[in-house]
N, C-alpha and C. Protein backbone atom coordinates (compact mmCIF):
# COMPACT_ATOMS: atom_id res chain seq x y z
N UNK A 1 16.24 -28.97 -24.99
CA UNK A 1 14.94 -28.52 -25.06
C UNK A 1 14.74 -27.03 -24.67
N UNK A 2 13.93 -26.27 -25.37
CA UNK A 2 13.85 -25.07 -24.95
C UNK A 2 12.35 -24.54 -25.12
N UNK A 3 12.18 -23.56 -24.19
CA UNK A 3 10.58 -22.89 -24.42
C UNK A 3 10.87 -21.32 -24.35
N UNK A 4 10.32 -20.64 -25.38
CA UNK A 4 10.28 -19.25 -25.45
C UNK A 4 8.86 -18.76 -25.09
N UNK A 5 8.66 -18.02 -23.91
CA UNK A 5 7.38 -17.79 -23.55
C UNK A 5 7.25 -16.16 -23.44
N UNK A 6 6.11 -15.69 -24.20
CA UNK A 6 5.82 -14.27 -24.13
C UNK A 6 4.67 -14.15 -23.15
N UNK A 7 4.82 -13.38 -22.13
CA UNK A 7 3.85 -13.15 -21.09
C UNK A 7 3.19 -11.81 -21.11
N UNK A 8 2.05 -11.51 -21.13
CA UNK A 8 1.53 -10.33 -21.35
C UNK A 8 0.23 -10.12 -20.47
N UNK A 9 -0.24 -8.77 -20.35
CA UNK A 9 -1.54 -8.56 -19.57
C UNK A 9 -1.60 -7.07 -19.41
N UNK A 10 -2.23 -6.96 -18.09
CA UNK A 10 -2.35 -5.31 -17.93
C UNK A 10 -1.66 -5.15 -16.30
N UNK A 11 -1.15 -4.12 -16.26
CA UNK A 11 -0.42 -3.97 -14.89
C UNK A 11 -1.43 -4.34 -13.77
N UNK A 12 -1.06 -5.01 -12.82
CA UNK A 12 -1.79 -5.22 -11.61
C UNK A 12 -2.55 -6.61 -11.54
N UNK A 13 -2.42 -7.41 -12.91
CA UNK A 13 -2.98 -8.60 -12.91
C UNK A 13 -2.04 -9.74 -12.35
N UNK A 14 -0.94 -9.38 -12.12
CA UNK A 14 -0.01 -10.62 -11.68
C UNK A 14 0.98 -11.27 -12.76
N UNK A 15 1.37 -10.58 -13.90
CA UNK A 15 2.14 -11.00 -14.70
C UNK A 15 3.55 -11.28 -14.22
N UNK A 16 3.87 -10.41 -13.29
CA UNK A 16 5.25 -10.34 -12.56
C UNK A 16 5.48 -11.60 -11.80
N UNK A 17 4.27 -12.07 -11.11
CA UNK A 17 4.23 -13.06 -10.17
C UNK A 17 4.51 -14.37 -11.20
N UNK A 18 3.86 -14.55 -12.25
CA UNK A 18 3.95 -15.59 -13.15
C UNK A 18 5.30 -15.75 -13.47
N UNK A 19 5.97 -14.69 -13.81
CA UNK A 19 7.39 -14.83 -14.27
C UNK A 19 8.30 -15.19 -13.21
N UNK A 20 7.97 -14.66 -12.11
CA UNK A 20 8.82 -15.07 -10.76
C UNK A 20 8.73 -16.48 -10.51
N UNK A 21 7.37 -17.21 -10.55
CA UNK A 21 7.47 -18.53 -10.22
C UNK A 21 8.03 -19.40 -11.34
N UNK A 22 7.73 -18.91 -12.64
CA UNK A 22 8.32 -19.78 -13.64
C UNK A 22 9.96 -19.67 -13.52
N UNK A 23 10.55 -18.59 -13.22
CA UNK A 23 11.91 -18.24 -13.16
C UNK A 23 12.54 -19.14 -11.75
N UNK A 24 11.80 -19.24 -10.74
CA UNK A 24 12.22 -19.90 -9.69
C UNK A 24 12.17 -21.27 -9.98
N UNK A 25 11.16 -22.04 -10.54
CA UNK A 25 11.15 -23.24 -10.83
C UNK A 25 12.32 -23.69 -12.00
N UNK A 26 12.50 -22.71 -12.94
CA UNK A 26 13.58 -23.03 -13.74
C UNK A 26 14.82 -23.11 -13.11
N UNK A 27 15.16 -22.16 -12.32
CA UNK A 27 16.32 -22.12 -11.41
C UNK A 27 16.55 -23.46 -10.69
N UNK A 28 15.53 -23.80 -9.98
CA UNK A 28 15.53 -24.98 -9.28
C UNK A 28 15.90 -26.30 -10.06
N UNK A 29 15.47 -26.12 -11.25
CA UNK A 29 15.46 -27.48 -12.14
C UNK A 29 16.83 -27.33 -12.82
N UNK A 30 17.71 -26.38 -12.66
CA UNK A 30 19.10 -26.17 -13.28
C UNK A 30 18.92 -25.85 -14.80
N UNK A 31 17.93 -25.16 -15.07
CA UNK A 31 17.71 -24.64 -16.58
C UNK A 31 18.35 -23.28 -16.77
N UNK A 32 18.82 -23.19 -18.05
CA UNK A 32 19.30 -21.75 -18.29
C UNK A 32 17.97 -20.75 -18.40
N UNK A 33 18.11 -19.76 -18.11
CA UNK A 33 17.02 -18.89 -18.04
C UNK A 33 17.47 -17.48 -18.34
N UNK A 34 16.43 -16.86 -19.24
CA UNK A 34 16.83 -15.48 -19.54
C UNK A 34 15.45 -14.83 -19.55
N UNK A 35 15.38 -13.60 -19.00
CA UNK A 35 14.40 -12.68 -19.09
C UNK A 35 14.20 -11.48 -19.26
N UNK A 36 13.64 -10.93 -20.34
CA UNK A 36 13.78 -9.64 -20.82
C UNK A 36 13.09 -8.70 -19.82
N UNK A 37 13.48 -7.44 -19.58
CA UNK A 37 12.84 -6.53 -19.02
C UNK A 37 11.34 -6.35 -19.18
N UNK A 38 10.60 -6.25 -18.07
CA UNK A 38 9.12 -5.94 -18.43
C UNK A 38 8.92 -4.61 -19.13
N UNK A 39 8.24 -4.65 -20.23
CA UNK A 39 8.02 -3.51 -20.96
C UNK A 39 6.73 -3.02 -20.79
N UNK A 40 6.34 -1.83 -20.90
CA UNK A 40 4.97 -1.37 -20.64
C UNK A 40 4.96 -0.67 -19.48
N UNK A 41 3.50 -0.24 -18.95
CA UNK A 41 3.42 0.49 -17.71
C UNK A 41 2.85 -0.66 -16.67
N UNK A 42 3.74 -0.86 -15.76
CA UNK A 42 3.49 -1.85 -14.87
C UNK A 42 2.73 -1.38 -13.68
N UNK A 43 2.11 -0.11 -13.91
CA UNK A 43 1.32 0.38 -12.82
C UNK A 43 -0.15 -0.27 -13.20
N UNK A 44 -0.97 -0.23 -12.35
CA UNK A 44 -2.53 -0.91 -12.45
C UNK A 44 -3.00 -0.20 -13.61
N UNK A 45 -3.26 -0.99 -14.72
CA UNK A 45 -4.08 -0.56 -15.75
C UNK A 45 -3.34 -0.33 -17.17
N UNK A 46 -2.25 -0.25 -17.18
CA UNK A 46 -1.25 -0.18 -18.38
C UNK A 46 -0.87 -1.60 -18.74
N UNK A 47 -0.60 -1.80 -20.22
CA UNK A 47 -0.25 -3.00 -20.83
C UNK A 47 1.21 -3.38 -20.14
N UNK A 48 1.46 -4.67 -19.99
CA UNK A 48 2.81 -5.35 -19.69
C UNK A 48 3.09 -6.47 -20.42
N UNK A 49 4.34 -6.62 -20.73
CA UNK A 49 4.74 -7.88 -21.53
C UNK A 49 6.13 -8.10 -21.08
N UNK A 50 6.43 -9.25 -21.05
CA UNK A 50 7.84 -9.72 -20.80
C UNK A 50 8.12 -11.12 -21.71
N UNK A 51 9.47 -11.17 -21.93
CA UNK A 51 9.84 -12.45 -22.58
C UNK A 51 10.45 -13.37 -21.55
N UNK A 52 10.50 -14.63 -21.61
CA UNK A 52 11.04 -15.44 -20.69
C UNK A 52 11.33 -16.74 -21.49
N UNK A 53 12.67 -17.02 -21.46
CA UNK A 53 13.39 -18.06 -22.25
C UNK A 53 13.98 -19.02 -21.29
N UNK A 54 13.72 -20.22 -21.58
CA UNK A 54 14.10 -21.48 -20.78
C UNK A 54 14.65 -22.46 -21.64
N UNK A 55 15.84 -23.01 -21.17
CA UNK A 55 16.61 -23.90 -22.07
C UNK A 55 17.42 -24.94 -21.26
N UNK A 56 17.71 -25.94 -21.88
CA UNK A 56 18.71 -26.95 -21.14
C UNK A 56 19.94 -26.56 -21.71
N UNK A 57 20.04 -25.83 -22.98
CA UNK A 57 21.23 -25.35 -23.56
C UNK A 57 21.61 -23.78 -23.32
N UNK A 58 22.65 -23.30 -23.57
CA UNK A 58 22.78 -21.93 -23.41
C UNK A 58 22.07 -20.94 -24.08
N UNK A 59 21.70 -19.83 -23.59
CA UNK A 59 20.72 -18.99 -24.14
C UNK A 59 21.63 -17.39 -24.33
N UNK A 60 21.66 -17.15 -25.55
CA UNK A 60 22.51 -15.84 -25.76
C UNK A 60 21.64 -14.51 -25.89
N UNK A 61 20.28 -14.80 -25.99
CA UNK A 61 19.51 -13.31 -26.08
C UNK A 61 18.39 -13.57 -25.07
N UNK A 62 17.97 -12.52 -24.47
CA UNK A 62 16.88 -12.54 -23.58
C UNK A 62 15.61 -12.02 -24.34
N UNK A 63 15.51 -11.69 -25.54
CA UNK A 63 14.38 -11.35 -26.30
C UNK A 63 14.14 -12.41 -27.34
N UNK A 64 12.58 -12.55 -27.56
CA UNK A 64 12.13 -13.34 -28.33
C UNK A 64 11.89 -12.82 -29.69
N UNK A 65 12.41 -13.43 -30.81
CA UNK A 65 12.18 -12.88 -32.08
C UNK A 65 10.78 -12.99 -32.77
N UNK A 66 10.39 -12.16 -33.51
CA UNK A 66 9.12 -12.51 -34.20
C UNK A 66 8.96 -13.99 -34.87
N UNK A 67 7.84 -14.48 -34.55
CA UNK A 67 7.58 -15.83 -35.07
C UNK A 67 8.40 -17.17 -34.46
N UNK A 68 8.93 -16.72 -33.19
CA UNK A 68 9.62 -17.70 -32.48
C UNK A 68 9.32 -18.13 -31.20
N UNK A 69 8.16 -17.48 -30.58
CA UNK A 69 7.51 -17.78 -29.25
C UNK A 69 6.91 -19.21 -29.34
N UNK A 70 7.03 -20.04 -28.39
CA UNK A 70 6.30 -21.30 -28.31
C UNK A 70 5.13 -21.14 -27.60
N UNK A 71 5.03 -19.98 -26.86
CA UNK A 71 3.80 -19.74 -26.03
C UNK A 71 3.59 -18.29 -25.66
N UNK A 72 2.29 -17.95 -25.63
CA UNK A 72 1.85 -16.66 -25.41
C UNK A 72 0.91 -16.98 -24.10
N UNK A 73 1.36 -16.40 -23.06
CA UNK A 73 0.64 -16.55 -21.68
C UNK A 73 -0.09 -15.14 -21.50
N UNK A 74 -1.27 -15.05 -21.47
CA UNK A 74 -1.71 -13.83 -21.28
C UNK A 74 -2.94 -13.74 -20.47
N UNK A 75 -2.93 -12.69 -19.51
CA UNK A 75 -4.05 -12.46 -18.44
C UNK A 75 -5.31 -11.82 -19.10
N UNK A 76 -5.01 -11.45 -20.41
CA UNK A 76 -6.09 -10.64 -21.06
C UNK A 76 -6.27 -10.93 -22.55
N UNK A 77 -7.28 -11.36 -23.09
CA UNK A 77 -7.37 -11.45 -24.57
C UNK A 77 -6.93 -10.58 -25.55
N UNK A 78 -7.08 -9.38 -25.58
CA UNK A 78 -6.65 -8.41 -26.32
C UNK A 78 -5.09 -8.26 -26.30
N UNK A 79 -4.47 -8.46 -25.19
CA UNK A 79 -3.04 -8.51 -24.92
C UNK A 79 -2.50 -9.79 -25.70
N UNK A 80 -3.18 -10.68 -25.50
CA UNK A 80 -2.88 -12.11 -26.31
C UNK A 80 -2.75 -11.93 -27.69
N UNK A 81 -3.77 -11.09 -28.39
CA UNK A 81 -3.78 -10.99 -29.79
C UNK A 81 -2.69 -10.02 -30.16
N UNK A 82 -2.41 -8.98 -29.39
CA UNK A 82 -1.32 -8.03 -29.64
C UNK A 82 0.06 -8.59 -29.95
N UNK A 83 0.30 -9.68 -29.32
CA UNK A 83 1.58 -10.33 -29.59
C UNK A 83 1.64 -11.69 -30.37
N UNK A 84 0.55 -11.83 -31.22
CA UNK A 84 0.58 -12.83 -32.09
C UNK A 84 1.76 -12.73 -33.19
N UNK A 85 2.20 -11.69 -33.64
CA UNK A 85 3.29 -11.86 -34.77
C UNK A 85 4.59 -12.38 -34.01
N UNK A 86 4.76 -12.62 -32.72
CA UNK A 86 5.76 -13.28 -32.14
C UNK A 86 5.45 -14.84 -31.94
N UNK A 87 4.49 -15.31 -32.29
CA UNK A 87 4.00 -16.80 -31.97
C UNK A 87 4.59 -17.43 -33.13
N UNK A 88 5.22 -18.59 -32.86
CA UNK A 88 5.57 -19.56 -34.03
C UNK A 88 4.33 -20.27 -34.48
N UNK A 89 4.60 -20.88 -35.65
CA UNK A 89 3.37 -21.77 -36.40
C UNK A 89 2.86 -22.81 -35.59
N UNK A 90 3.58 -23.38 -34.79
CA UNK A 90 3.03 -24.38 -33.84
C UNK A 90 2.84 -23.91 -32.26
N UNK A 91 2.95 -22.51 -32.27
CA UNK A 91 2.99 -22.05 -30.88
C UNK A 91 1.42 -22.07 -30.23
N UNK A 92 1.37 -21.86 -29.02
CA UNK A 92 0.10 -21.90 -28.23
C UNK A 92 -0.22 -20.63 -27.64
N UNK A 93 -1.42 -20.23 -27.61
CA UNK A 93 -1.83 -19.11 -26.86
C UNK A 93 -2.60 -19.65 -25.73
N UNK A 94 -2.35 -19.17 -24.53
CA UNK A 94 -2.97 -19.59 -23.24
C UNK A 94 -3.50 -18.19 -22.71
N UNK A 95 -4.71 -18.20 -22.50
CA UNK A 95 -5.12 -16.61 -22.19
C UNK A 95 -6.66 -16.74 -21.17
N UNK A 96 -6.78 -15.86 -20.64
CA UNK A 96 -8.02 -15.62 -19.94
C UNK A 96 -9.03 -15.17 -20.94
N UNK A 97 -10.34 -15.59 -21.11
CA UNK A 97 -11.15 -15.46 -21.97
C UNK A 97 -11.91 -14.12 -21.85
N UNK A 98 -11.86 -13.54 -20.55
CA UNK A 98 -12.63 -12.44 -20.08
C UNK A 98 -11.71 -11.16 -20.23
N UNK A 99 -12.30 -10.21 -21.12
CA UNK A 99 -11.46 -8.99 -21.31
C UNK A 99 -11.40 -8.06 -19.96
N UNK A 100 -10.39 -7.53 -19.76
CA UNK A 100 -10.19 -6.39 -18.73
C UNK A 100 -10.36 -5.16 -19.67
N UNK A 101 -11.48 -4.35 -19.54
CA UNK A 101 -11.79 -3.34 -20.27
C UNK A 101 -11.19 -2.07 -19.53
N UNK A 102 -10.10 -1.60 -20.06
CA UNK A 102 -9.48 -0.57 -19.49
C UNK A 102 -9.32 0.70 -20.23
N UNK A 103 -10.05 0.73 -21.41
CA UNK A 103 -9.66 1.90 -22.38
C UNK A 103 -11.05 2.18 -22.97
N UNK A 104 -11.32 3.41 -23.48
CA UNK A 104 -12.73 3.62 -23.87
C UNK A 104 -12.95 2.94 -25.21
N UNK A 105 -12.13 2.80 -26.05
CA UNK A 105 -12.28 2.16 -27.49
C UNK A 105 -11.84 0.62 -27.46
N UNK A 106 -12.14 0.02 -26.24
CA UNK A 106 -11.74 -1.52 -26.19
C UNK A 106 -12.59 -2.22 -27.30
N UNK A 107 -11.96 -3.30 -28.00
CA UNK A 107 -12.75 -4.06 -28.92
C UNK A 107 -13.97 -4.76 -28.63
N UNK A 108 -14.58 -4.95 -29.55
CA UNK A 108 -15.88 -5.73 -29.47
C UNK A 108 -15.55 -7.10 -28.78
N UNK A 109 -16.12 -7.68 -27.75
CA UNK A 109 -15.71 -8.73 -27.08
C UNK A 109 -15.95 -9.97 -27.99
N UNK A 110 -17.13 -9.90 -28.70
CA UNK A 110 -17.50 -11.17 -29.59
C UNK A 110 -16.29 -11.36 -30.77
N UNK A 111 -15.82 -10.18 -31.35
CA UNK A 111 -14.90 -10.13 -32.23
C UNK A 111 -13.68 -10.61 -31.69
N UNK A 112 -13.28 -10.20 -30.35
CA UNK A 112 -12.07 -10.81 -29.82
C UNK A 112 -12.12 -12.34 -29.62
N UNK A 113 -13.25 -12.77 -29.29
CA UNK A 113 -13.47 -14.29 -29.00
C UNK A 113 -13.47 -14.78 -30.41
N UNK A 114 -13.85 -14.43 -31.49
CA UNK A 114 -13.79 -15.13 -32.85
C UNK A 114 -12.40 -15.02 -33.17
N UNK A 115 -11.56 -14.08 -33.07
CA UNK A 115 -10.16 -14.10 -33.39
C UNK A 115 -9.50 -15.08 -32.72
N UNK A 116 -9.74 -15.34 -31.39
CA UNK A 116 -8.93 -16.25 -30.56
C UNK A 116 -9.33 -17.55 -31.13
N UNK A 117 -10.74 -17.90 -31.35
CA UNK A 117 -11.34 -19.17 -31.79
C UNK A 117 -10.74 -19.62 -33.19
N UNK A 118 -10.33 -18.58 -33.72
CA UNK A 118 -9.74 -19.08 -35.21
C UNK A 118 -8.34 -19.25 -35.22
N UNK A 119 -7.83 -19.35 -34.11
CA UNK A 119 -6.25 -19.65 -33.81
C UNK A 119 -6.06 -21.30 -33.87
N UNK A 120 -5.12 -21.85 -34.47
CA UNK A 120 -4.97 -23.05 -34.39
C UNK A 120 -4.73 -23.82 -33.10
N UNK A 121 -4.06 -23.11 -32.23
CA UNK A 121 -3.66 -23.72 -30.90
C UNK A 121 -3.98 -22.59 -29.85
N UNK A 122 -5.02 -22.78 -29.32
CA UNK A 122 -5.48 -21.73 -28.08
C UNK A 122 -6.14 -22.56 -27.06
N UNK A 123 -5.92 -22.05 -25.72
CA UNK A 123 -6.56 -22.45 -24.66
C UNK A 123 -6.94 -21.31 -23.83
N UNK A 124 -8.22 -21.12 -23.69
CA UNK A 124 -8.73 -19.97 -22.81
C UNK A 124 -9.87 -20.41 -21.74
N UNK A 125 -9.92 -19.53 -20.79
CA UNK A 125 -10.71 -19.96 -19.81
C UNK A 125 -10.97 -18.51 -18.96
N UNK A 126 -12.27 -18.65 -18.31
CA UNK A 126 -12.57 -17.23 -17.67
C UNK A 126 -11.89 -17.41 -16.29
N UNK A 127 -10.69 -17.03 -16.08
CA UNK A 127 -9.85 -17.44 -14.91
C UNK A 127 -10.53 -16.48 -13.76
N UNK A 128 -10.74 -15.37 -13.99
CA UNK A 128 -11.42 -14.43 -12.95
C UNK A 128 -12.59 -15.06 -12.32
N UNK A 129 -13.60 -15.52 -13.13
CA UNK A 129 -14.79 -16.12 -12.57
C UNK A 129 -14.43 -17.48 -11.80
N UNK A 130 -13.59 -18.39 -12.42
CA UNK A 130 -13.22 -19.60 -11.70
C UNK A 130 -12.58 -19.43 -10.31
N UNK A 131 -11.72 -18.30 -10.38
CA UNK A 131 -11.01 -17.76 -9.04
C UNK A 131 -11.98 -17.26 -8.02
N UNK A 132 -13.28 -16.69 -8.57
CA UNK A 132 -14.25 -16.18 -7.53
C UNK A 132 -15.04 -17.27 -7.04
N UNK A 133 -15.34 -18.32 -8.11
CA UNK A 133 -16.17 -19.39 -7.56
C UNK A 133 -15.47 -20.21 -6.55
N UNK A 134 -14.08 -20.33 -6.44
CA UNK A 134 -13.29 -21.16 -5.62
C UNK A 134 -12.78 -20.54 -4.44
N UNK A 135 -13.20 -19.13 -4.32
CA UNK A 135 -12.69 -18.47 -3.26
C UNK A 135 -11.35 -18.08 -3.25
N UNK A 136 -10.69 -18.03 -4.42
CA UNK A 136 -9.31 -17.38 -4.31
C UNK A 136 -9.23 -16.32 -5.48
N UNK A 137 -10.04 -15.23 -5.14
CA UNK A 137 -10.00 -14.10 -6.05
C UNK A 137 -8.83 -13.30 -6.51
N UNK A 138 -7.78 -13.45 -5.54
CA UNK A 138 -6.40 -12.85 -5.79
C UNK A 138 -5.51 -13.80 -6.56
N UNK A 139 -5.95 -14.83 -6.99
CA UNK A 139 -4.97 -15.90 -7.39
C UNK A 139 -5.28 -16.35 -8.95
N UNK A 140 -6.01 -15.41 -9.74
CA UNK A 140 -6.39 -15.78 -11.12
C UNK A 140 -5.20 -16.12 -11.84
N UNK A 141 -3.98 -15.36 -11.57
CA UNK A 141 -2.79 -15.45 -12.45
C UNK A 141 -2.32 -16.88 -12.10
N UNK A 142 -2.48 -17.43 -11.04
CA UNK A 142 -1.94 -18.80 -10.79
C UNK A 142 -2.86 -19.71 -11.57
N UNK A 143 -4.01 -19.55 -11.73
CA UNK A 143 -4.96 -20.36 -12.60
C UNK A 143 -4.48 -20.42 -13.97
N UNK A 144 -4.05 -19.20 -14.43
CA UNK A 144 -3.32 -19.07 -15.80
C UNK A 144 -2.11 -19.89 -15.81
N UNK A 145 -1.20 -19.72 -14.84
CA UNK A 145 0.07 -20.51 -14.88
C UNK A 145 -0.31 -21.90 -14.86
N UNK A 146 -1.24 -22.42 -14.02
CA UNK A 146 -1.55 -23.91 -14.14
C UNK A 146 -2.00 -24.32 -15.61
N UNK A 147 -2.74 -23.37 -16.35
CA UNK A 147 -3.30 -23.65 -17.51
C UNK A 147 -2.05 -23.98 -18.48
N UNK A 148 -0.96 -22.89 -18.42
CA UNK A 148 0.22 -22.87 -19.30
C UNK A 148 1.07 -23.96 -19.05
N UNK A 149 1.09 -24.49 -17.79
CA UNK A 149 2.18 -25.50 -17.59
C UNK A 149 1.94 -26.59 -18.36
N UNK A 150 0.76 -26.97 -18.75
CA UNK A 150 0.74 -28.19 -19.64
C UNK A 150 1.54 -27.74 -20.90
N UNK A 151 1.80 -26.66 -21.49
CA UNK A 151 2.28 -26.33 -22.49
C UNK A 151 3.83 -26.01 -22.44
N UNK A 152 4.11 -25.49 -21.26
CA UNK A 152 5.66 -25.35 -21.10
C UNK A 152 6.60 -26.56 -21.15
N UNK A 153 5.96 -27.66 -20.48
CA UNK A 153 6.60 -28.93 -20.78
C UNK A 153 8.16 -29.12 -20.20
N UNK A 154 8.98 -28.15 -20.28
CA UNK A 154 10.03 -28.12 -19.75
C UNK A 154 10.33 -28.14 -18.27
N UNK A 155 9.24 -27.85 -17.79
CA UNK A 155 9.02 -27.85 -16.27
C UNK A 155 7.84 -28.74 -15.70
N UNK A 156 7.98 -29.41 -14.75
CA UNK A 156 6.80 -30.14 -14.39
C UNK A 156 5.90 -29.50 -13.39
N UNK A 157 4.57 -30.07 -13.38
CA UNK A 157 3.72 -29.39 -12.40
C UNK A 157 4.34 -29.18 -10.92
N UNK A 158 4.79 -30.32 -10.47
CA UNK A 158 5.51 -30.38 -9.16
C UNK A 158 6.47 -29.33 -8.89
N UNK A 159 7.28 -29.11 -10.19
CA UNK A 159 8.27 -27.90 -10.02
C UNK A 159 7.85 -26.70 -9.83
N UNK A 160 6.67 -26.55 -10.56
CA UNK A 160 5.75 -25.29 -10.38
C UNK A 160 5.23 -24.97 -9.08
N UNK A 161 4.74 -26.00 -8.72
CA UNK A 161 4.14 -26.06 -7.21
C UNK A 161 5.18 -25.71 -6.14
N UNK A 162 6.19 -26.42 -6.08
CA UNK A 162 7.47 -25.97 -5.30
C UNK A 162 7.77 -24.40 -5.39
N UNK A 163 7.94 -24.03 -6.54
CA UNK A 163 8.23 -22.60 -6.69
C UNK A 163 7.17 -21.68 -6.09
N UNK A 164 5.93 -22.18 -6.20
CA UNK A 164 4.90 -21.29 -5.75
C UNK A 164 5.04 -21.18 -4.17
N UNK A 165 5.29 -22.49 -3.69
CA UNK A 165 5.51 -22.53 -2.18
C UNK A 165 6.59 -21.63 -1.76
N UNK A 166 7.70 -21.49 -2.41
CA UNK A 166 8.87 -20.78 -2.29
C UNK A 166 8.62 -19.37 -2.19
N UNK A 167 7.96 -18.96 -3.47
CA UNK A 167 7.82 -17.45 -3.84
C UNK A 167 6.67 -16.85 -2.77
N UNK A 168 5.89 -17.63 -2.42
CA UNK A 168 4.83 -16.92 -1.55
C UNK A 168 4.75 -17.45 -0.19
N UNK A 169 5.84 -18.02 0.24
CA UNK A 169 6.12 -18.49 1.75
C UNK A 169 5.97 -17.33 2.75
N UNK A 170 6.65 -16.27 2.28
CA UNK A 170 6.70 -15.11 3.42
C UNK A 170 5.42 -14.35 3.39
N UNK A 171 4.35 -14.77 2.62
CA UNK A 171 3.08 -14.04 2.74
C UNK A 171 2.21 -14.80 3.61
N UNK A 172 2.66 -16.29 3.91
CA UNK A 172 1.85 -17.02 5.00
C UNK A 172 1.31 -18.13 4.37
N UNK A 173 0.92 -19.19 5.21
CA UNK A 173 0.36 -20.50 4.74
C UNK A 173 -0.79 -20.17 3.81
N UNK A 174 -1.83 -19.25 4.18
CA UNK A 174 -3.21 -19.34 3.56
C UNK A 174 -2.79 -18.77 2.15
N UNK A 175 -1.76 -17.99 1.80
CA UNK A 175 -1.46 -17.33 0.76
C UNK A 175 -0.95 -18.32 -0.22
N UNK A 176 -0.17 -19.10 0.36
CA UNK A 176 0.48 -20.39 -0.42
C UNK A 176 -0.50 -21.30 -0.93
N UNK A 177 -1.36 -21.80 0.20
CA UNK A 177 -2.34 -22.64 -0.11
C UNK A 177 -3.41 -22.24 -1.17
N UNK A 178 -3.83 -20.81 -1.32
CA UNK A 178 -4.64 -20.30 -2.20
C UNK A 178 -4.05 -20.28 -3.53
N UNK A 179 -2.79 -20.01 -3.67
CA UNK A 179 -2.12 -20.10 -4.88
C UNK A 179 -1.80 -21.62 -5.37
N UNK A 180 -1.61 -22.47 -4.65
CA UNK A 180 -1.57 -23.82 -5.10
C UNK A 180 -2.91 -24.24 -5.34
N UNK A 181 -3.99 -24.04 -4.77
CA UNK A 181 -5.28 -24.39 -5.09
C UNK A 181 -5.76 -23.74 -6.56
N UNK A 182 -5.28 -22.52 -6.78
CA UNK A 182 -5.67 -21.70 -8.08
C UNK A 182 -4.90 -22.57 -9.19
N UNK A 183 -3.37 -22.83 -8.97
CA UNK A 183 -2.63 -23.35 -9.79
C UNK A 183 -3.22 -24.96 -10.23
N UNK A 184 -3.63 -25.63 -9.37
CA UNK A 184 -4.53 -26.91 -9.67
C UNK A 184 -5.56 -26.57 -10.40
N UNK A 185 -6.35 -25.77 -10.15
CA UNK A 185 -7.67 -25.32 -11.00
C UNK A 185 -7.33 -25.24 -12.34
N UNK A 186 -6.21 -24.33 -12.66
CA UNK A 186 -5.95 -24.09 -13.97
C UNK A 186 -5.48 -25.37 -14.57
N UNK A 187 -4.49 -26.10 -13.94
CA UNK A 187 -3.94 -27.37 -14.47
C UNK A 187 -5.02 -28.43 -14.85
N UNK A 188 -5.96 -28.41 -13.90
CA UNK A 188 -7.17 -29.51 -14.14
C UNK A 188 -8.28 -29.02 -14.91
N UNK A 189 -8.45 -27.65 -15.31
CA UNK A 189 -9.53 -27.30 -16.18
C UNK A 189 -9.14 -26.89 -17.44
N UNK A 190 -8.00 -27.22 -17.91
CA UNK A 190 -7.50 -26.86 -19.38
C UNK A 190 -8.10 -27.92 -20.29
N UNK A 191 -8.61 -27.49 -21.50
CA UNK A 191 -9.18 -28.40 -22.43
C UNK A 191 -8.01 -29.11 -23.05
């Protein structure tokens, strides 16, 4: 079994944390793992993307070819749409529904939503609002990871939770608990 995941978003939204948690879970599960270097501006506000490849078999390349991604996981809807050429015919887009407007000529939100809604396999949720409503405003990225876990399939929710505990342990129990709560919100609220 294998999963090719394209991660995307805007610098400062937590894409690297998502990749780190998935990578930790994959390592603990004994899976093969390749991650392409993060491309783009990792500073706050710049676009960021990374390839993450997981498999039970050997992986030879760290980059995902056009039309081969099983999953696009994006903190931002325009960034999700930017990487559609990489998505396979049966691939799934998991994204925040709320735009992060960081450029003056940002596309019309209704047009973005219509384009997302036209996709055959998409899961979207206003993760920022959900994070605020549940008092975990800094953990919207873990809500997105919870949503994506249903489609990653090669890793279980408990393996992801264990990785969250490992990755955030040095930041204290409250941070761990907030991120676990956020993960569960995403996992439970996916359509």
